Protein backbone atom coordinates (compact mmCIF):
# COMPACT_ATOMS: atom_id res chain seq x y z
CA UNK A 1 -128.88 -114.14 47.78
CA UNK A 2 -129.88 -117.05 45.85
CA UNK A 3 -132.96 -116.77 43.47
CA UNK A 4 -132.40 -119.81 41.81
CA UNK A 5 -135.13 -121.34 43.74
CA UNK A 6 -137.48 -118.98 42.84
CA UNK A 7 -139.47 -117.61 39.60
CA UNK A 8 -136.82 -113.98 38.98
CA UNK A 9 -139.73 -111.26 39.83
CA UNK A 10 -139.98 -107.94 38.09
CA UNK A 11 -136.87 -105.51 37.85
CA UNK A 12 -137.86 -102.44 40.08
CA UNK A 13 -135.94 -99.14 40.44
CA UNK A 14 -135.79 -96.82 42.98
CA UNK A 15 -134.37 -93.43 44.24
CA UNK A 16 -133.99 -91.70 48.00
CA UNK A 17 -135.87 -88.33 48.18
CA UNK A 18 -136.11 -85.83 50.87
CA UNK A 19 -138.30 -87.64 53.59
CA UNK A 20 -139.13 -90.51 51.40
CA UNK A 21 -138.61 -92.90 48.33
CA UNK A 22 -139.08 -93.37 44.30
CA UNK A 23 -140.20 -96.75 43.20
CA UNK A 24 -140.52 -97.08 39.37
CA UNK A 25 -141.69 -99.89 37.68
CA UNK A 26 -142.79 -100.62 33.67
CA UNK A 27 -145.99 -98.36 33.53
CA UNK A 28 -145.55 -95.82 36.90
CA UNK A 29 -143.72 -94.29 38.85
CA UNK A 30 -144.68 -93.74 42.88
CA UNK A 31 -142.97 -91.65 45.47
CA UNK A 32 -144.09 -91.62 49.04
CA UNK A 33 -143.03 -89.38 51.63
CA UNK A 34 -143.51 -88.56 55.03
CA UNK A 35 -144.84 -85.24 56.06
CA UNK A 36 -144.30 -82.85 58.81
CA UNK A 37 -147.31 -84.04 60.59
CA UNK A 38 -146.29 -88.14 60.35
CA UNK A 39 -149.00 -88.87 57.71
CA UNK A 40 -147.70 -90.21 54.37
CA UNK A 41 -148.25 -88.15 51.22
CA UNK A 42 -147.79 -89.76 47.54
CA UNK A 43 -146.75 -88.64 44.23
CA UNK A 44 -147.80 -90.49 40.85
CA UNK A 45 -146.85 -90.02 37.44
CA UNK A 46 -147.77 -92.48 34.81
CA UNK A 47 -144.59 -93.77 32.66
CA UNK A 48 -144.70 -91.91 29.15
CA UNK A 49 -143.78 -94.57 26.54
CA UNK A 50 -141.76 -93.12 23.48
CA UNK A 51 -141.31 -95.97 20.77
CA UNK A 52 -138.13 -94.20 19.53
CA UNK A 53 -136.61 -94.08 22.87
CA UNK A 54 -137.90 -97.92 23.73
CA UNK A 55 -135.72 -98.77 20.74
CA UNK A 56 -132.85 -97.15 21.82
CA UNK A 57 -133.14 -98.70 24.93
CA UNK A 58 -132.67 -102.04 23.51
CA UNK A 59 -129.30 -100.89 21.88
CA UNK A 60 -126.76 -102.35 23.84
CA UNK A 61 -124.18 -99.67 24.80
CA UNK A 62 -126.56 -96.96 23.89
CA UNK A 63 -129.33 -97.87 25.87
CA UNK A 64 -127.54 -96.95 29.34
CA UNK A 65 -127.54 -93.23 28.03
CA UNK A 66 -131.01 -92.93 27.34
CA UNK A 67 -131.82 -94.81 30.63
CA UNK A 68 -129.75 -92.28 32.44
CA UNK A 69 -131.33 -89.15 30.65
CA UNK A 70 -134.61 -90.86 31.59
CA UNK A 71 -133.91 -91.34 35.32
CA UNK A 72 -132.30 -87.73 35.40
CA UNK A 73 -135.24 -86.05 34.19
CA UNK A 74 -138.03 -88.16 36.31
CA UNK A 75 -136.14 -88.06 39.51
CA UNK A 76 -135.77 -84.45 39.39
CA UNK A 77 -139.38 -83.79 39.29
CA UNK A 78 -140.06 -86.31 42.16
CA UNK A 79 -136.98 -85.04 44.12
CA UNK A 80 -139.10 -81.11 43.81
CA UNK A 81 -142.27 -83.24 45.16
CA UNK A 82 -140.26 -84.73 47.84
CA UNK A 83 -138.92 -81.23 48.90
CA UNK A 84 -141.64 -78.95 48.01
CA UNK A 85 -144.13 -80.95 50.13
CA UNK A 86 -142.26 -82.03 53.30
CA UNK A 87 -141.82 -78.49 54.56
CA UNK A 88 -145.43 -77.25 53.64
CA UNK A 89 -148.37 -77.55 56.01
CA UNK A 90 -150.69 -80.27 55.24
CA UNK A 91 -153.66 -77.62 55.71
CA UNK A 92 -152.20 -75.36 52.51
CA UNK A 93 -152.10 -78.15 50.12
CA UNK A 94 -155.43 -77.39 48.32
CA UNK A 95 -153.24 -73.92 47.68
CA UNK A 96 -150.68 -75.40 46.17
CA UNK A 97 -152.77 -77.82 43.60
CA UNK A 98 -154.34 -74.69 42.56
CA UNK A 99 -151.25 -73.08 41.92
CA UNK A 100 -150.05 -76.06 39.94
CA UNK A 101 -153.14 -76.38 37.87
CA UNK A 102 -151.81 -73.21 36.25
CA UNK A 103 -148.46 -73.86 35.72
CA UNK A 104 -148.41 -77.86 35.29
CA UNK A 105 -146.84 -79.18 31.92
CA UNK A 106 -144.16 -76.73 31.63
CA UNK A 107 -142.92 -76.80 35.08
CA UNK A 108 -142.61 -80.65 34.75
CA UNK A 109 -140.58 -80.01 31.28
CA UNK A 110 -138.93 -77.39 32.88
CA UNK A 111 -137.63 -79.79 35.76
CA UNK A 112 -136.62 -82.61 33.55
CA UNK A 113 -134.22 -80.48 31.69
CA UNK A 114 -133.39 -79.09 34.58
CA UNK A 115 -132.66 -82.89 36.22
CA UNK A 116 -130.55 -83.64 32.81
CA UNK A 117 -128.24 -80.48 32.94
CA UNK A 118 -127.05 -81.03 36.65
CA UNK A 119 -126.18 -84.31 35.83
CA UNK A 120 -124.54 -83.59 32.84
CA UNK A 121 -122.70 -80.70 34.39
CA UNK A 122 -121.67 -82.54 37.01
CA UNK A 123 -120.58 -85.55 35.06
CA UNK A 124 -118.22 -82.62 33.33
CA UNK A 125 -116.79 -81.36 36.58
CA UNK A 126 -116.11 -84.77 37.67
CA UNK A 127 -114.83 -85.50 34.34
CA UNK A 128 -112.36 -82.53 33.34
CA UNK A 129 -111.28 -81.55 37.12
CA UNK A 130 -109.04 -84.30 37.57
CA UNK A 131 -107.60 -84.08 34.37
CA UNK A 132 -106.41 -80.78 35.42
CA UNK A 133 -105.00 -82.00 38.33
CA UNK A 134 -103.46 -84.79 36.91
CA UNK A 135 -101.89 -82.42 34.55
CA UNK A 136 -99.99 -80.63 37.21
CA UNK A 137 -98.28 -83.98 38.28
CA UNK A 138 -96.75 -84.56 34.56
CA UNK A 139 -93.30 -83.63 36.02
CA UNK A 140 -93.17 -86.30 38.07
CA UNK A 141 -95.31 -88.88 36.04
CA UNK A 142 -94.82 -87.73 32.55
CA UNK A 143 -95.85 -91.22 30.72
CA UNK A 144 -99.85 -91.87 29.32
CA UNK A 145 -100.11 -94.60 31.80
CA UNK A 146 -99.23 -92.59 34.78
CA UNK A 147 -101.33 -89.59 33.98
CA UNK A 148 -104.32 -91.57 33.59
CA UNK A 149 -103.56 -93.72 36.98
CA UNK A 150 -103.23 -90.31 38.50
CA UNK A 151 -106.26 -88.90 37.03
CA UNK A 152 -108.40 -91.82 38.02
CA UNK A 153 -106.83 -91.57 41.51
CA UNK A 154 -108.01 -88.50 41.61
CA UNK A 155 -110.96 -88.49 40.34
CA UNK A 156 -111.63 -91.07 43.12
CA UNK A 157 -110.83 -89.13 46.00
CA UNK A 158 -113.27 -86.23 44.46
CA UNK A 159 -116.02 -88.62 44.45
CA UNK A 160 -115.64 -90.34 47.69
CA UNK A 161 -114.74 -86.96 49.60
CA UNK A 162 -117.70 -85.50 48.08
CA UNK A 163 -119.97 -87.90 49.00
CA UNK A 164 -118.33 -88.12 52.73
CA UNK A 165 -119.05 -84.49 53.50
CA UNK A 166 -122.55 -84.29 52.21
CA UNK A 167 -123.56 -87.66 54.22
CA UNK A 168 -122.26 -85.02 57.39
CA UNK A 169 -125.19 -82.97 57.01
CA UNK A 170 -128.63 -83.92 58.77
CA UNK A 171 -130.87 -83.57 55.25
CA UNK A 172 -128.49 -85.68 53.21
CA UNK A 173 -127.87 -88.34 55.82
CA UNK A 174 -131.39 -88.58 56.41
CA UNK A 175 -131.67 -89.00 52.43
CA UNK A 176 -128.97 -92.26 52.53
CA UNK A 177 -131.18 -93.52 55.24
CA UNK A 178 -134.06 -93.53 52.77
CA UNK A 179 -131.54 -94.90 49.94
CA UNK A 180 -130.90 -97.68 52.30
CA UNK A 181 -134.61 -98.25 52.90
CA UNK A 182 -135.40 -98.51 49.01
CA UNK A 183 -133.01 -101.05 48.36
CA UNK A 184 -133.83 -103.04 51.80
CA UNK A 185 -137.63 -103.09 50.21
CA UNK A 186 -136.08 -104.33 46.51
CA UNK A 187 -133.91 -106.92 48.58
CA UNK A 188 -137.36 -108.20 50.36
CA UNK A 189 -139.12 -108.21 47.42
CA UNK A 190 -136.57 -110.31 45.48
CA UNK A 191 -136.20 -112.93 48.17
CA UNK A 192 -140.00 -113.54 47.58
CA UNK A 193 -140.59 -112.41 51.17
CA UNK A 194 -143.66 -110.72 52.77
CA UNK A 195 -142.92 -107.19 52.79
CA UNK A 196 -143.45 -106.34 56.13
CA UNK A 197 -140.67 -103.96 58.45
CA UNK A 198 -139.28 -106.86 60.14
CA UNK A 199 -138.36 -108.58 56.82
CA UNK A 200 -137.32 -105.72 55.23
CA UNK A 201 -134.93 -104.67 58.35
CA UNK A 202 -133.18 -107.73 57.53
CA UNK A 203 -132.19 -107.20 54.27
CA UNK A 204 -128.81 -105.92 53.02
CA UNK A 205 -128.95 -101.69 52.60
CA UNK A 206 -126.41 -102.48 49.65
CA UNK A 207 -127.83 -103.70 45.94
CA UNK A 208 -126.09 -104.69 42.55
CA UNK A 209 -128.18 -102.94 40.43
CA UNK A 210 -127.76 -99.27 42.62
CA UNK A 211 -126.46 -95.80 40.43
CA UNK A 212 -123.61 -95.13 43.19
CA UNK A 213 -122.34 -98.52 41.63
CA UNK A 214 -122.58 -97.46 38.42
CA UNK A 215 -120.95 -93.79 39.23
CA UNK A 216 -117.68 -95.68 40.25
CA UNK A 217 -117.92 -98.11 37.09
CA UNK A 218 -117.62 -95.14 35.17
CA UNK A 219 -114.35 -94.24 36.80
CA UNK A 220 -112.86 -97.59 36.29
CA UNK A 221 -114.09 -98.29 33.06
CA UNK A 222 -113.35 -94.60 32.20
CA UNK A 223 -109.61 -95.43 33.44
CA UNK A 224 -109.08 -98.55 30.88
CA UNK A 225 -111.00 -96.47 28.01
CA UNK A 226 -108.57 -93.18 28.43
CA UNK A 227 -105.64 -95.52 28.08
CA UNK A 228 -106.30 -95.69 24.48
CA UNK A 229 -105.80 -92.00 23.82
CA UNK A 230 -102.86 -89.93 24.67
CA UNK A 231 -102.64 -87.39 27.07
CA UNK A 232 -100.48 -84.83 25.59
CA UNK A 233 -101.21 -82.18 24.65
CA UNK A 234 -103.62 -81.09 27.54
CA UNK A 235 -106.32 -79.25 25.10
CA UNK A 236 -106.76 -82.61 23.26
CA UNK A 237 -107.01 -84.56 26.22
CA UNK A 238 -109.76 -82.33 27.33
CA UNK A 239 -111.49 -82.89 23.92
CA UNK A 240 -111.15 -86.53 24.56
CA UNK A 241 -112.57 -86.62 27.86
CA UNK A 242 -115.35 -84.82 26.95
CA UNK A 243 -115.91 -86.81 23.32
CA UNK A 244 -115.64 -90.23 25.83
CA UNK A 245 -118.47 -89.48 27.92
CA UNK A 246 -120.78 -91.21 26.05
CA UNK A 247 -118.90 -93.89 25.61
CA UNK A 248 -117.69 -94.51 29.11
CA UNK A 249 -121.38 -94.08 30.32
CA UNK A 250 -122.61 -96.76 27.71
CA UNK A 251 -119.71 -99.39 28.75
CA UNK A 252 -120.52 -99.05 32.49
CA UNK A 253 -123.52 -99.40 32.29
CA UNK A 254 -123.60 -102.50 30.66
CA UNK A 255 -121.13 -103.54 33.40
CA UNK A 256 -123.57 -102.39 36.16
CA UNK A 257 -126.33 -104.88 34.25
CA UNK A 258 -123.53 -107.46 33.95
CA UNK A 259 -122.53 -107.45 37.92
CA UNK A 260 -125.75 -107.70 38.83
CA UNK A 261 -126.48 -110.60 36.21
CA UNK A 262 -123.78 -112.93 37.84
CA UNK A 263 -124.03 -111.81 41.68
CA UNK A 264 -124.98 -115.52 42.19
CA UNK A 265 -122.24 -116.92 40.30
CA UNK A 266 -119.24 -117.74 43.06
CA UNK A 267 -116.28 -116.34 41.74
CA UNK A 268 -118.16 -113.78 39.53
CA UNK A 269 -120.10 -111.92 42.25
CA UNK A 270 -117.41 -109.96 43.67
CA UNK A 271 -117.02 -108.11 40.30
CA UNK A 272 -119.68 -106.24 41.72
CA UNK A 273 -118.01 -105.46 45.55
CA UNK A 274 -116.75 -102.12 44.02
CA UNK A 275 -119.78 -100.58 44.03
CA UNK A 276 -121.54 -102.10 47.21
CA UNK A 277 -118.25 -100.66 48.93
CA UNK A 278 -119.27 -97.40 47.41
CA UNK A 279 -122.60 -97.83 49.11
CA UNK A 280 -121.39 -98.07 52.22
CA UNK A 281 -121.19 -93.89 51.94
CA UNK A 282 -123.95 -93.48 49.93
CA UNK A 283 -126.25 -95.51 51.82
CA UNK A 284 -127.31 -95.55 55.69
CA UNK A 285 -129.31 -97.89 57.92
CA UNK A 286 -132.91 -96.70 58.00
CA UNK A 287 -135.37 -96.22 61.13
CA UNK A 288 -138.66 -98.04 60.88
CA UNK A 289 -140.51 -95.04 60.27
CA UNK A 290 -138.47 -94.92 57.52
CA UNK A 291 -138.53 -98.29 56.09
CA UNK A 292 -142.65 -97.92 56.40
CA UNK A 293 -142.61 -95.05 53.95
CA UNK A 294 -140.40 -97.19 51.75
CA UNK A 295 -143.04 -100.18 51.98
CA UNK A 296 -145.73 -97.90 51.07
CA UNK A 297 -144.13 -96.34 48.34
CA UNK A 298 -143.50 -99.75 46.83
CA UNK A 299 -146.89 -101.41 47.57
CA UNK A 300 -148.93 -98.72 46.03
CA UNK A 301 -146.41 -99.27 42.61
CA UNK A 302 -147.45 -102.71 42.97
CA UNK A 303 -151.17 -101.90 42.73
CA UNK A 304 -150.70 -99.40 40.36
CA UNK A 305 -148.47 -101.85 38.03
CA UNK A 306 -151.43 -104.67 38.37
CA UNK A 307 -153.67 -101.99 36.97
CA UNK A 308 -151.89 -101.12 34.16
CA UNK A 309 -151.18 -104.73 33.46
CA UNK A 310 -154.90 -105.69 33.57
CA UNK A 311 -155.44 -102.87 30.95
CA UNK A 312 -152.90 -104.13 28.30
CA UNK A 313 -154.42 -107.72 28.71
CA UNK A 314 -156.90 -108.20 25.33
CA UNK A 315 -160.55 -108.96 26.72
CA UNK A 316 -161.87 -112.61 25.77
CA UNK A 317 -166.19 -111.85 25.48
CA UNK A 318 -167.66 -114.56 24.20
CA UNK A 319 -169.95 -113.01 21.23
């Protein structure tokens, strides 16, 4: 992918949901899903800008934590919308709207908290379970270096096994197809090509900026960070792993950003290959109708972003 011939477009992110795709921009989030009657439905939320959070997101190695928390909170809202609306008969939409009027803000706050807690819980599980598994091998691998290597290996096996078995379920397989559609749309946009089904399908389903790559980088980065602290005794090892989670996440986020910046530089683009290889599991080739949903979501986001930018422009009234 060579973007040197083009003006680099704004960076947009996305996420696959149940039977759809969410895209996020500077001012808005948009999710489009395919309903059971074949129609496409949208869920739109303005992006709330918190001045304090925005300042934090400009600080290297700390901004990654803020971005992860924000993405987890917002992603849960859109996942809930997609899972709730997909199985609902379109004739029941009005009833659902009335119910949401009474719950509104409290429901969204609850979902945001659930999203963050779910991420933290999974991170703790994938961080600590390999510690105890590696400790069982200490009679064979007693040194700190060997223990960190074994721990990282168990973490990788757990991650790959978890994703593989998830991908075998019909629902998750379709979510992974929408994940592929999301990447294809972003790649098409970044190539400055017309966003049509044909052009999108010709793009790669892999992307350097994907969250899947970030997850793998936490394993690689963690392995090097853990070499700086002892692995014995076990209680200290557990405390160290928990305490180092923010550091590992922060460094991994910077590595992800770096690999995206150098993806067009020969010799350096290979830095992002491990993350791309993992995406071979977390993405699947989408069908045309799934690509159509992703395109609708992205185009709606672009329309909303344009309106938001126009509102921000100062008026030049002649007096």
